[in-house]
Amino acid sequence: MFTGIVEATGRIVRSEPRGGDVRLVVDAGTLGLDDVAVGDSIAVSGVCLTAVAIEGNAFVVDVSNETLSRTSLGALGDGARVNLEKALRLADRLGGHLMAGHVDGLGRVVAIESDARSQRWTFELPAGLARYAAPKGSIAIDGVSLTINDVDGRRFGVNLIPHTIDVTTLGERKVGDAVNIEVDLVARYVERLFAEREVRT
């Protein structure tokens, strides 16, 4: 589990095709890997991946075709910057919202507008995910926990404060870019529970 509070940004050192899928080597930047072991989970731009090797200040992950098809990782070239977060420990503060690191699909940046020192961003969701967006609900974009300000059909707006722009990769995104979207876990499970209830009645 993760919280969507980005701990550091890293860079893709290299992408290696392996038997039909991909192995990534990621420079961890300032994340610190002293407490990371092979088998541990790290969120890379919102995607939960398993460290299969540690190489100095870099970690190695395998990315399946399923993950490549649902996320932006396959489109990232060598040198691309990524948001990083280690898996949540039970004693950690929950500063964002609970996230699984299981990306639901790709959204798109529709608009970026200045608002005092902050920025208002508008994103568009795939049709199947729009029902999970609610005003003042939580959503993860490229692994960053954000609060939804407003919803209009498949589009929703968020506010990015200067700190978020500075310490995550969102400040590098532009209109038209694809972003990893993970909807709120609670919304997804509530829908599932109601669906089961309707089947039984």
N, C-alpha and C. Protein backbone atom coordinates (compact mmCIF):
# COMPACT_ATOMS: atom_id res chain seq x y z
N MET A 1 0.84 -1.19 0.00
CA MET A 1 0.00 0.00 0.00
C MET A 1 0.88 1.25 0.00
N PHE A 2 0.31 2.34 -0.52
CA PHE A 2 1.01 3.61 -0.62
C PHE A 2 0.06 4.73 -0.19
N THR A 3 0.61 5.95 -0.10
CA THR A 3 -0.21 7.09 0.33
C THR A 3 -0.32 8.18 -0.72
N GLY A 4 0.49 8.12 -1.77
CA GLY A 4 0.47 9.17 -2.78
C GLY A 4 1.25 10.40 -2.38
N ILE A 5 2.06 10.30 -1.32
CA ILE A 5 2.96 11.38 -0.95
C ILE A 5 4.33 11.02 -1.52
N VAL A 6 4.70 11.65 -2.61
CA VAL A 6 5.93 11.32 -3.32
C VAL A 6 7.13 11.62 -2.44
N GLU A 7 8.01 10.63 -2.28
CA GLU A 7 9.19 10.79 -1.43
C GLU A 7 10.39 11.34 -2.17
N ALA A 8 10.46 11.07 -3.46
CA ALA A 8 11.59 11.54 -4.27
C ALA A 8 11.24 11.34 -5.73
N THR A 9 12.02 11.97 -6.59
CA THR A 9 11.92 11.66 -8.01
C THR A 9 13.21 10.96 -8.43
N GLY A 10 13.06 10.01 -9.33
CA GLY A 10 14.21 9.29 -9.86
C GLY A 10 14.21 9.38 -11.37
N ARG A 11 15.09 8.62 -12.00
CA ARG A 11 15.16 8.62 -13.46
C ARG A 11 15.30 7.19 -13.99
N ILE A 12 14.71 6.96 -15.14
CA ILE A 12 14.90 5.68 -15.82
C ILE A 12 16.32 5.67 -16.38
N VAL A 13 17.14 4.75 -15.88
CA VAL A 13 18.51 4.63 -16.37
C VAL A 13 18.52 3.91 -17.71
N ARG A 14 17.79 2.81 -17.78
CA ARG A 14 17.67 2.09 -19.06
C ARG A 14 16.46 1.17 -19.02
N SER A 15 15.97 0.90 -20.22
CA SER A 15 14.84 0.00 -20.41
C SER A 15 15.33 -1.16 -21.27
N GLU A 16 15.17 -2.38 -20.74
CA GLU A 16 15.71 -3.56 -21.42
C GLU A 16 14.57 -4.52 -21.80
N PRO A 17 14.34 -4.74 -23.10
CA PRO A 17 13.35 -5.76 -23.49
C PRO A 17 13.79 -7.12 -22.97
N ARG A 18 12.86 -7.85 -22.34
CA ARG A 18 13.16 -9.17 -21.78
C ARG A 18 12.04 -10.14 -22.10
N GLY A 19 12.25 -11.02 -23.07
CA GLY A 19 11.28 -12.08 -23.34
C GLY A 19 9.89 -11.60 -23.63
N GLY A 20 9.76 -10.44 -24.26
CA GLY A 20 8.44 -9.94 -24.63
C GLY A 20 7.93 -8.84 -23.73
N ASP A 21 8.51 -8.68 -22.53
CA ASP A 21 8.14 -7.53 -21.70
C ASP A 21 9.40 -6.70 -21.43
N VAL A 22 9.43 -5.98 -20.31
CA VAL A 22 10.50 -4.99 -20.11
C VAL A 22 11.07 -5.07 -18.71
N ARG A 23 12.37 -4.87 -18.60
CA ARG A 23 13.03 -4.67 -17.32
C ARG A 23 13.54 -3.24 -17.27
N LEU A 24 13.22 -2.54 -16.17
CA LEU A 24 13.66 -1.16 -16.00
C LEU A 24 14.69 -1.06 -14.90
N VAL A 25 15.71 -0.24 -15.14
CA VAL A 25 16.66 0.13 -14.10
C VAL A 25 16.38 1.59 -13.76
N VAL A 26 16.10 1.86 -12.47
CA VAL A 26 15.66 3.18 -12.04
C VAL A 26 16.64 3.76 -11.03
N ASP A 27 17.21 4.92 -11.34
CA ASP A 27 18.03 5.65 -10.38
C ASP A 27 17.09 6.22 -9.33
N ALA A 28 17.34 5.91 -8.06
CA ALA A 28 16.41 6.28 -6.99
C ALA A 28 16.54 7.73 -6.53
N GLY A 29 17.48 8.48 -7.08
CA GLY A 29 17.64 9.87 -6.66
C GLY A 29 17.91 9.96 -5.17
N THR A 30 17.14 10.76 -4.46
CA THR A 30 17.32 10.94 -3.02
C THR A 30 16.45 9.99 -2.19
N LEU A 31 15.83 9.02 -2.83
CA LEU A 31 14.91 8.13 -2.10
C LEU A 31 15.61 7.37 -0.98
N GLY A 32 16.82 6.89 -1.24
CA GLY A 32 17.51 6.09 -0.23
C GLY A 32 17.04 4.66 -0.26
N LEU A 33 17.96 3.74 -0.53
CA LEU A 33 17.59 2.34 -0.68
C LEU A 33 18.15 1.47 0.44
N ASP A 34 18.66 2.07 1.52
CA ASP A 34 19.25 1.30 2.61
C ASP A 34 18.27 0.32 3.22
N ASP A 35 17.00 0.68 3.26
CA ASP A 35 16.00 -0.19 3.89
C ASP A 35 15.15 -0.92 2.86
N VAL A 36 15.60 -0.96 1.61
CA VAL A 36 14.88 -1.65 0.54
C VAL A 36 15.60 -2.95 0.22
N ALA A 37 14.85 -4.04 0.18
CA ALA A 37 15.41 -5.35 -0.14
C ALA A 37 14.75 -5.90 -1.40
N VAL A 38 15.41 -6.86 -2.01
CA VAL A 38 14.81 -7.54 -3.15
C VAL A 38 13.46 -8.13 -2.71
N GLY A 39 12.44 -7.89 -3.51
CA GLY A 39 11.09 -8.34 -3.17
C GLY A 39 10.21 -7.23 -2.63
N ASP A 40 10.81 -6.10 -2.24
CA ASP A 40 10.02 -4.97 -1.72
C ASP A 40 9.31 -4.25 -2.87
N SER A 41 8.22 -3.59 -2.52
CA SER A 41 7.44 -2.83 -3.50
C SER A 41 7.84 -1.36 -3.48
N ILE A 42 7.92 -0.77 -4.66
CA ILE A 42 8.16 0.66 -4.81
C ILE A 42 7.18 1.16 -5.87
N ALA A 43 6.53 2.28 -5.59
CA ALA A 43 5.64 2.87 -6.58
C ALA A 43 6.46 3.77 -7.50
N VAL A 44 6.37 3.48 -8.79
CA VAL A 44 7.08 4.26 -9.81
C VAL A 44 6.02 4.99 -10.64
N SER A 45 5.90 6.30 -10.40
CA SER A 45 4.84 7.11 -11.02
C SER A 45 3.48 6.46 -10.83
N GLY A 46 3.27 5.95 -9.63
CA GLY A 46 1.97 5.39 -9.26
C GLY A 46 1.79 3.93 -9.53
N VAL A 47 2.80 3.28 -10.13
CA VAL A 47 2.70 1.86 -10.46
C VAL A 47 3.48 1.04 -9.43
N CYS A 48 2.81 0.14 -8.74
CA CYS A 48 3.47 -0.72 -7.75
C CYS A 48 4.31 -1.75 -8.48
N LEU A 49 5.63 -1.71 -8.26
CA LEU A 49 6.55 -2.64 -8.90
C LEU A 49 7.42 -3.29 -7.84
N THR A 50 7.91 -4.49 -8.13
CA THR A 50 8.73 -5.26 -7.20
C THR A 50 10.20 -5.13 -7.56
N ALA A 51 11.00 -4.74 -6.58
CA ALA A 51 12.45 -4.65 -6.80
C ALA A 51 13.02 -6.06 -6.94
N VAL A 52 13.64 -6.34 -8.09
CA VAL A 52 14.23 -7.66 -8.31
C VAL A 52 15.75 -7.63 -8.13
N ALA A 53 16.30 -6.42 -8.03
CA ALA A 53 17.74 -6.26 -7.75
C ALA A 53 17.98 -4.84 -7.29
N ILE A 54 19.03 -4.68 -6.49
CA ILE A 54 19.48 -3.36 -6.06
C ILE A 54 20.90 -3.19 -6.59
N GLU A 55 21.13 -2.10 -7.30
CA GLU A 55 22.45 -1.84 -7.89
C GLU A 55 22.91 -0.46 -7.45
N GLY A 56 23.59 -0.40 -6.30
CA GLY A 56 24.03 0.89 -5.77
C GLY A 56 22.83 1.75 -5.43
N ASN A 57 22.71 2.91 -6.08
CA ASN A 57 21.57 3.79 -5.82
C ASN A 57 20.46 3.60 -6.85
N ALA A 58 20.46 2.45 -7.48
CA ALA A 58 19.40 2.13 -8.45
C ALA A 58 18.73 0.83 -8.07
N PHE A 59 17.49 0.69 -8.49
CA PHE A 59 16.78 -0.58 -8.30
C PHE A 59 16.26 -1.05 -9.65
N VAL A 60 16.05 -2.35 -9.74
CA VAL A 60 15.66 -2.99 -11.00
C VAL A 60 14.28 -3.60 -10.81
N VAL A 61 13.41 -3.39 -11.81
CA VAL A 61 12.05 -3.93 -11.74
C VAL A 61 11.68 -4.56 -13.08
N ASP A 62 10.84 -5.58 -13.03
CA ASP A 62 10.28 -6.17 -14.24
C ASP A 62 8.87 -5.60 -14.44
N VAL A 63 8.56 -5.25 -15.69
CA VAL A 63 7.26 -4.66 -16.01
C VAL A 63 6.55 -5.56 -17.01
N SER A 64 5.42 -6.12 -16.59
CA SER A 64 4.68 -7.06 -17.43
C SER A 64 3.95 -6.35 -18.56
N ASN A 65 3.51 -7.13 -19.54
CA ASN A 65 2.73 -6.57 -20.64
C ASN A 65 1.42 -5.96 -20.16
N GLU A 66 0.81 -6.56 -19.12
CA GLU A 66 -0.42 -6.00 -18.55
C GLU A 66 -0.16 -4.59 -18.04
N THR A 67 0.94 -4.42 -17.32
CA THR A 67 1.28 -3.09 -16.78
C THR A 67 1.63 -2.13 -17.90
N LEU A 68 2.37 -2.60 -18.88
CA LEU A 68 2.74 -1.74 -20.01
C LEU A 68 1.50 -1.26 -20.77
N SER A 69 0.47 -2.11 -20.86
CA SER A 69 -0.72 -1.75 -21.61
C SER A 69 -1.62 -0.77 -20.86
N ARG A 70 -1.52 -0.74 -19.54
CA ARG A 70 -2.43 0.09 -18.74
C ARG A 70 -1.80 1.37 -18.21
N THR A 71 -0.49 1.51 -18.35
CA THR A 71 0.21 2.65 -17.75
C THR A 71 1.07 3.36 -18.79
N SER A 72 1.68 4.44 -18.34
CA SER A 72 2.56 5.23 -19.21
C SER A 72 4.00 4.74 -19.18
N LEU A 73 4.32 3.70 -18.40
CA LEU A 73 5.71 3.29 -18.23
C LEU A 73 6.36 2.86 -19.55
N GLY A 74 5.60 2.22 -20.42
CA GLY A 74 6.17 1.76 -21.67
C GLY A 74 6.58 2.88 -22.61
N ALA A 75 6.02 4.07 -22.39
CA ALA A 75 6.33 5.21 -23.25
C ALA A 75 7.50 6.04 -22.72
N LEU A 76 7.99 5.71 -21.52
CA LEU A 76 9.07 6.50 -20.94
C LEU A 76 10.41 6.05 -21.49
N GLY A 77 11.20 6.99 -21.94
CA GLY A 77 12.52 6.68 -22.47
C GLY A 77 13.59 6.80 -21.40
N ASP A 78 14.80 6.40 -21.74
CA ASP A 78 15.93 6.54 -20.82
C ASP A 78 16.08 8.02 -20.43
N GLY A 79 16.28 8.25 -19.13
CA GLY A 79 16.43 9.61 -18.63
C GLY A 79 15.14 10.24 -18.14
N ALA A 80 13.99 9.61 -18.43
CA ALA A 80 12.71 10.16 -18.00
C ALA A 80 12.63 10.18 -16.48
N ARG A 81 12.07 11.26 -15.94
CA ARG A 81 11.94 11.40 -14.49
C ARG A 81 10.64 10.75 -14.04
N VAL A 82 10.68 10.08 -12.87
CA VAL A 82 9.52 9.37 -12.34
C VAL A 82 9.35 9.68 -10.86
N ASN A 83 8.10 9.66 -10.39
CA ASN A 83 7.80 9.82 -8.97
C ASN A 83 8.04 8.50 -8.25
N LEU A 84 8.63 8.58 -7.05
CA LEU A 84 8.95 7.37 -6.29
C LEU A 84 8.36 7.43 -4.89
N GLU A 85 7.85 6.30 -4.43
CA GLU A 85 7.37 6.16 -3.05
C GLU A 85 7.57 4.72 -2.60
N LYS A 86 8.18 4.55 -1.44
CA LYS A 86 8.30 3.21 -0.86
C LYS A 86 6.95 2.78 -0.29
N ALA A 87 6.80 1.48 -0.13
CA ALA A 87 5.56 0.95 0.42
C ALA A 87 5.33 1.46 1.83
N LEU A 88 4.07 1.65 2.18
CA LEU A 88 3.66 2.15 3.48
C LEU A 88 3.96 1.15 4.58
N ARG A 89 4.50 1.66 5.70
CA ARG A 89 4.65 0.85 6.91
C ARG A 89 3.52 1.19 7.87
N LEU A 90 3.14 0.27 8.72
CA LEU A 90 1.99 0.50 9.60
C LEU A 90 2.19 1.68 10.53
N ALA A 91 3.43 2.02 10.84
CA ALA A 91 3.70 3.13 11.75
C ALA A 91 3.79 4.47 11.04
N ASP A 92 3.69 4.48 9.70
CA ASP A 92 3.84 5.73 8.95
C ASP A 92 2.59 6.60 9.05
N ARG A 93 2.80 7.91 8.86
CA ARG A 93 1.67 8.83 8.77
C ARG A 93 0.99 8.64 7.42
N LEU A 94 -0.32 8.75 7.43
CA LEU A 94 -1.10 8.62 6.21
C LEU A 94 -1.43 10.03 5.72
N GLY A 95 -0.47 10.63 5.00
CA GLY A 95 -0.63 12.02 4.60
C GLY A 95 -1.52 12.22 3.40
N GLY A 96 -1.62 11.23 2.53
CA GLY A 96 -2.45 11.36 1.34
C GLY A 96 -3.72 10.54 1.49
N HIS A 97 -3.85 9.47 0.70
CA HIS A 97 -4.95 8.53 0.87
C HIS A 97 -4.43 7.14 0.51
N LEU A 98 -5.11 6.12 0.97
CA LEU A 98 -4.65 4.76 0.73
C LEU A 98 -4.71 4.41 -0.76
N MET A 99 -3.59 3.92 -1.27
CA MET A 99 -3.48 3.55 -2.67
C MET A 99 -2.84 2.18 -2.78
N ALA A 100 -3.23 1.43 -3.80
CA ALA A 100 -2.66 0.10 -4.01
C ALA A 100 -1.51 0.11 -5.00
N GLY A 101 -1.38 1.18 -5.78
CA GLY A 101 -0.38 1.19 -6.83
C GLY A 101 -0.81 0.38 -8.04
N HIS A 102 -2.11 0.12 -8.15
CA HIS A 102 -2.67 -0.62 -9.28
C HIS A 102 -3.37 0.39 -10.19
N VAL A 103 -2.70 0.81 -11.22
CA VAL A 103 -3.22 1.84 -12.11
C VAL A 103 -4.45 1.33 -12.85
N ASP A 104 -5.51 2.15 -12.84
CA ASP A 104 -6.77 1.76 -13.47
C ASP A 104 -6.80 2.10 -14.95
N GLY A 105 -6.02 3.06 -15.36
CA GLY A 105 -6.01 3.45 -16.77
C GLY A 105 -5.26 4.75 -16.97
N LEU A 106 -5.24 5.19 -18.22
CA LEU A 106 -4.54 6.41 -18.57
C LEU A 106 -5.53 7.56 -18.74
N GLY A 107 -5.24 8.66 -18.05
CA GLY A 107 -5.99 9.89 -18.25
C GLY A 107 -5.19 10.82 -19.15
N ARG A 108 -5.73 12.01 -19.38
CA ARG A 108 -5.07 12.97 -20.27
C ARG A 108 -5.18 14.36 -19.68
N VAL A 109 -4.08 15.14 -19.77
CA VAL A 109 -4.09 16.53 -19.33
C VAL A 109 -4.85 17.35 -20.37
N VAL A 110 -5.90 18.07 -19.92
CA VAL A 110 -6.74 18.84 -20.84
C VAL A 110 -6.42 20.33 -20.77
N ALA A 111 -6.15 20.84 -19.56
CA ALA A 111 -5.89 22.27 -19.41
C ALA A 111 -5.05 22.53 -18.16
N ILE A 112 -4.24 23.58 -18.23
CA ILE A 112 -3.44 24.04 -17.10
C ILE A 112 -3.58 25.56 -17.04
N GLU A 113 -4.07 26.06 -15.90
CA GLU A 113 -4.28 27.50 -15.74
C GLU A 113 -3.69 27.97 -14.43
N SER A 114 -3.09 29.16 -14.44
CA SER A 114 -2.54 29.74 -13.21
C SER A 114 -3.67 30.21 -12.31
N ASP A 115 -3.46 30.08 -11.01
CA ASP A 115 -4.42 30.57 -10.01
C ASP A 115 -3.60 31.05 -8.82
N ALA A 116 -3.27 32.34 -8.80
CA ALA A 116 -2.34 32.89 -7.82
C ALA A 116 -1.03 32.11 -7.91
N ARG A 117 -0.53 31.57 -6.78
CA ARG A 117 0.72 30.81 -6.84
C ARG A 117 0.49 29.35 -7.19
N SER A 118 -0.75 28.94 -7.23
CA SER A 118 -1.09 27.55 -7.56
C SER A 118 -1.45 27.43 -9.03
N GLN A 119 -1.78 26.22 -9.44
CA GLN A 119 -2.25 25.97 -10.80
C GLN A 119 -3.50 25.09 -10.73
N ARG A 120 -4.44 25.38 -11.60
CA ARG A 120 -5.63 24.53 -11.74
C ARG A 120 -5.46 23.68 -12.99
N TRP A 121 -5.54 22.37 -12.78
CA TRP A 121 -5.36 21.41 -13.87
C TRP A 121 -6.68 20.70 -14.13
N THR A 122 -6.96 20.44 -15.40
CA THR A 122 -8.12 19.66 -15.79
C THR A 122 -7.64 18.40 -16.50
N PHE A 123 -8.19 17.27 -16.11
CA PHE A 123 -7.85 15.97 -16.69
C PHE A 123 -9.10 15.33 -17.27
N GLU A 124 -8.90 14.47 -18.24
CA GLU A 124 -10.00 13.69 -18.80
C GLU A 124 -9.75 12.21 -18.52
N LEU A 125 -10.79 11.54 -18.04
CA LEU A 125 -10.70 10.13 -17.70
C LEU A 125 -11.24 9.25 -18.83
N PRO A 126 -10.77 8.01 -18.90
CA PRO A 126 -11.45 7.05 -19.78
C PRO A 126 -12.90 6.89 -19.32
N ALA A 127 -13.78 6.58 -20.25
CA ALA A 127 -15.21 6.52 -19.94
C ALA A 127 -15.52 5.62 -18.75
N GLY A 128 -14.85 4.49 -18.63
CA GLY A 128 -15.15 3.54 -17.57
C GLY A 128 -14.74 3.98 -16.18
N LEU A 129 -13.92 5.03 -16.09
CA LEU A 129 -13.45 5.49 -14.78
C LEU A 129 -14.16 6.74 -14.29
N ALA A 130 -14.91 7.40 -15.15
CA ALA A 130 -15.51 8.69 -14.79
C ALA A 130 -16.43 8.58 -13.59
N ARG A 131 -17.10 7.44 -13.42
CA ARG A 131 -18.07 7.31 -12.32
C ARG A 131 -17.41 7.30 -10.95
N TYR A 132 -16.09 7.11 -10.89
CA TYR A 132 -15.40 7.08 -9.60
C TYR A 132 -14.93 8.46 -9.15
N ALA A 133 -15.07 9.46 -10.00
CA ALA A 133 -14.61 10.81 -9.64
C ALA A 133 -15.74 11.58 -8.98
N ALA A 134 -15.46 12.12 -7.79
CA ALA A 134 -16.46 12.89 -7.06
C ALA A 134 -15.82 14.13 -6.46
N PRO A 135 -16.53 15.25 -6.44
CA PRO A 135 -15.96 16.46 -5.83
C PRO A 135 -15.51 16.21 -4.39
N LYS A 136 -14.31 16.65 -4.09
CA LYS A 136 -13.65 16.49 -2.79
C LYS A 136 -13.26 15.04 -2.50
N GLY A 137 -13.38 14.18 -3.50
CA GLY A 137 -12.87 12.82 -3.37
C GLY A 137 -11.38 12.79 -3.71
N SER A 138 -10.77 11.63 -3.50
CA SER A 138 -9.33 11.48 -3.76
C SER A 138 -9.09 10.75 -5.08
N ILE A 139 -7.97 11.08 -5.70
CA ILE A 139 -7.54 10.41 -6.91
C ILE A 139 -6.02 10.47 -6.97
N ALA A 140 -5.40 9.49 -7.59
CA ALA A 140 -3.94 9.49 -7.74
C ALA A 140 -3.59 9.72 -9.20
N ILE A 141 -2.72 10.68 -9.45
CA ILE A 141 -2.25 10.99 -10.79
C ILE A 141 -0.74 10.84 -10.81
N ASP A 142 -0.25 9.89 -11.60
CA ASP A 142 1.18 9.57 -11.63
C ASP A 142 1.73 9.33 -10.22
N GLY A 143 0.90 8.73 -9.38
CA GLY A 143 1.33 8.39 -8.02
C GLY A 143 1.19 9.51 -7.02
N VAL A 144 0.61 10.64 -7.41
CA VAL A 144 0.45 11.79 -6.51
C VAL A 144 -0.99 11.83 -6.02
N SER A 145 -1.18 11.82 -4.71
CA SER A 145 -2.51 11.91 -4.11
C SER A 145 -3.03 13.34 -4.24
N LEU A 146 -4.20 13.47 -4.88
CA LEU A 146 -4.79 14.79 -5.09
C LEU A 146 -6.27 14.77 -4.74
N THR A 147 -6.80 15.95 -4.43
CA THR A 147 -8.22 16.12 -4.13
C THR A 147 -8.92 16.69 -5.35
N ILE A 148 -10.02 16.07 -5.73
CA ILE A 148 -10.80 16.53 -6.87
C ILE A 148 -11.61 17.76 -6.46
N ASN A 149 -11.49 18.84 -7.24
CA ASN A 149 -12.25 20.06 -6.96
C ASN A 149 -13.64 20.02 -7.58
N ASP A 150 -13.69 19.59 -8.83
CA ASP A 150 -14.97 19.60 -9.55
C ASP A 150 -14.95 18.52 -10.61
N VAL A 151 -16.16 18.12 -11.02
CA VAL A 151 -16.33 17.06 -12.01
C VAL A 151 -17.31 17.53 -13.07
N ASP A 152 -16.98 17.28 -14.34
CA ASP A 152 -17.87 17.62 -15.44
C ASP A 152 -17.79 16.49 -16.46
N GLY A 153 -18.70 15.53 -16.35
CA GLY A 153 -18.68 14.37 -17.22
C GLY A 153 -17.41 13.55 -16.98
N ARG A 154 -16.60 13.36 -18.02
CA ARG A 154 -15.37 12.59 -17.90
C ARG A 154 -14.20 13.46 -17.44
N ARG A 155 -14.43 14.74 -17.24
CA ARG A 155 -13.35 15.65 -16.86
C ARG A 155 -13.45 16.04 -15.39
N PHE A 156 -12.30 16.23 -14.78
CA PHE A 156 -12.27 16.69 -13.39
C PHE A 156 -11.11 17.67 -13.20
N GLY A 157 -11.25 18.52 -12.20
CA GLY A 157 -10.23 19.51 -11.93
C GLY A 157 -9.58 19.31 -10.58
N VAL A 158 -8.29 19.65 -10.50
CA VAL A 158 -7.55 19.62 -9.24
C VAL A 158 -6.73 20.90 -9.13
N ASN A 159 -6.29 21.17 -7.91
CA ASN A 159 -5.42 22.32 -7.66
C ASN A 159 -4.04 21.80 -7.27
N LEU A 160 -3.00 22.30 -7.92
CA LEU A 160 -1.63 21.93 -7.57
C LEU A 160 -0.96 23.12 -6.90
N ILE A 161 -0.51 22.91 -5.66
CA ILE A 161 0.22 23.96 -4.96
C ILE A 161 1.67 23.96 -5.45
N PRO A 162 2.41 25.06 -5.23
CA PRO A 162 3.80 25.13 -5.71
C PRO A 162 4.66 23.96 -5.25
N HIS A 163 4.47 23.48 -4.02
CA HIS A 163 5.28 22.37 -3.50
C HIS A 163 5.10 21.13 -4.36
N THR A 164 3.86 20.80 -4.69
CA THR A 164 3.58 19.61 -5.50
C THR A 164 4.22 19.75 -6.88
N ILE A 165 4.13 20.92 -7.46
CA ILE A 165 4.73 21.16 -8.77
C ILE A 165 6.25 20.98 -8.71
N ASP A 166 6.85 21.44 -7.60
CA ASP A 166 8.31 21.41 -7.47
C ASP A 166 8.86 20.01 -7.20
N VAL A 167 8.17 19.20 -6.37
CA VAL A 167 8.77 17.95 -5.90
C VAL A 167 8.25 16.70 -6.62
N THR A 168 7.39 16.87 -7.61
CA THR A 168 6.91 15.74 -8.39
C THR A 168 7.16 16.01 -9.87
N THR A 169 6.85 15.02 -10.68
CA THR A 169 7.03 15.18 -12.13
C THR A 169 5.85 15.89 -12.79
N LEU A 170 4.80 16.20 -12.03
CA LEU A 170 3.63 16.82 -12.65
C LEU A 170 3.97 18.16 -13.29
N GLY A 171 4.93 18.88 -12.71
CA GLY A 171 5.33 20.16 -13.28
C GLY A 171 5.90 20.05 -14.68
N GLU A 172 6.29 18.84 -15.08
CA GLU A 172 6.83 18.62 -16.43
C GLU A 172 5.76 18.24 -17.44
N ARG A 173 4.57 17.92 -16.95
CA ARG A 173 3.50 17.52 -17.86
C ARG A 173 2.94 18.73 -18.60
N LYS A 174 2.39 18.46 -19.78
CA LYS A 174 1.78 19.53 -20.59
C LYS A 174 0.46 19.03 -21.15
N VAL A 175 -0.31 19.94 -21.68
CA VAL A 175 -1.62 19.59 -22.23
C VAL A 175 -1.44 18.52 -23.30
N GLY A 176 -2.26 17.48 -23.22
CA GLY A 176 -2.21 16.37 -24.16
C GLY A 176 -1.46 15.16 -23.63
N ASP A 177 -0.67 15.33 -22.57
CA ASP A 177 0.11 14.22 -22.02
C ASP A 177 -0.79 13.18 -21.35
N ALA A 178 -0.37 11.94 -21.43
CA ALA A 178 -1.05 10.85 -20.72
C ALA A 178 -0.51 10.73 -19.31
N VAL A 179 -1.38 10.42 -18.37
CA VAL A 179 -0.98 10.26 -16.97
C VAL A 179 -1.61 8.99 -16.40
N ASN A 180 -0.94 8.37 -15.44
CA ASN A 180 -1.46 7.19 -14.77
C ASN A 180 -2.54 7.60 -13.77
N ILE A 181 -3.65 6.92 -13.81
CA ILE A 181 -4.78 7.21 -12.92
C ILE A 181 -5.08 6.00 -12.05
N GLU A 182 -5.16 6.23 -10.74
CA GLU A 182 -5.70 5.22 -9.83
C GLU A 182 -6.86 5.86 -9.08
N VAL A 183 -8.04 5.30 -9.24
CA VAL A 183 -9.21 5.85 -8.57
C VAL A 183 -9.20 5.46 -7.10
N ASP A 184 -10.06 6.10 -6.34
CA ASP A 184 -10.13 5.87 -4.90
C ASP A 184 -10.57 4.44 -4.60
N LEU A 185 -9.81 3.78 -3.73
CA LEU A 185 -10.12 2.39 -3.36
C LEU A 185 -11.51 2.25 -2.76
N VAL A 186 -11.89 3.20 -1.92
CA VAL A 186 -13.19 3.13 -1.25
C VAL A 186 -14.31 3.18 -2.29
N ALA A 187 -14.20 4.08 -3.27
CA ALA A 187 -15.24 4.20 -4.29
C ALA A 187 -15.37 2.89 -5.08
N ARG A 188 -14.25 2.28 -5.38
CA ARG A 188 -14.27 1.05 -6.17
C ARG A 188 -14.95 -0.08 -5.39
N TYR A 189 -14.64 -0.20 -4.10
CA TYR A 189 -15.22 -1.29 -3.31
C TYR A 189 -16.68 -1.04 -2.98
N VAL A 190 -17.06 0.22 -2.79
CA VAL A 190 -18.47 0.53 -2.55
C VAL A 190 -19.30 0.14 -3.77
N GLU A 191 -18.79 0.45 -4.97
CA GLU A 191 -19.51 0.07 -6.19
C GLU A 191 -19.67 -1.44 -6.27
N ARG A 192 -18.60 -2.16 -5.95
CA ARG A 192 -18.65 -3.62 -6.01
C ARG A 192 -19.68 -4.18 -5.02
N LEU A 193 -19.71 -3.62 -3.83
CA LEU A 193 -20.66 -4.08 -2.81
C LEU A 193 -22.10 -3.85 -3.25
N PHE A 194 -22.37 -2.67 -3.84
CA PHE A 194 -23.73 -2.38 -4.30
C PHE A 194 -24.11 -3.28 -5.47
N ALA A 195 -23.15 -3.59 -6.34
CA ALA A 195 -23.43 -4.47 -7.46
C ALA A 195 -23.81 -5.87 -6.97
N GLU A 196 -23.08 -6.36 -5.97
CA GLU A 196 -23.39 -7.68 -5.39
C GLU A 196 -24.75 -7.67 -4.72
N ARG A 197 -25.06 -6.57 -4.06
CA ARG A 197 -26.35 -6.44 -3.36
C ARG A 197 -27.51 -6.49 -4.34
N GLU A 198 -27.35 -5.81 -5.49
CA GLU A 198 -28.40 -5.79 -6.50
C GLU A 198 -28.61 -7.17 -7.11
N VAL A 199 -27.54 -7.94 -7.29
CA VAL A 199 -27.65 -9.28 -7.85
C VAL A 199 -28.44 -10.19 -6.93
N ARG A 200 -28.27 -10.01 -5.62
CA ARG A 200 -28.91 -10.89 -4.64
C ARG A 200 -30.37 -10.53 -4.41
N THR A 201 -30.78 -9.31 -4.75
CA THR A 201 -32.16 -8.88 -4.48
C THR A 201 -33.06 -9.12 -5.68
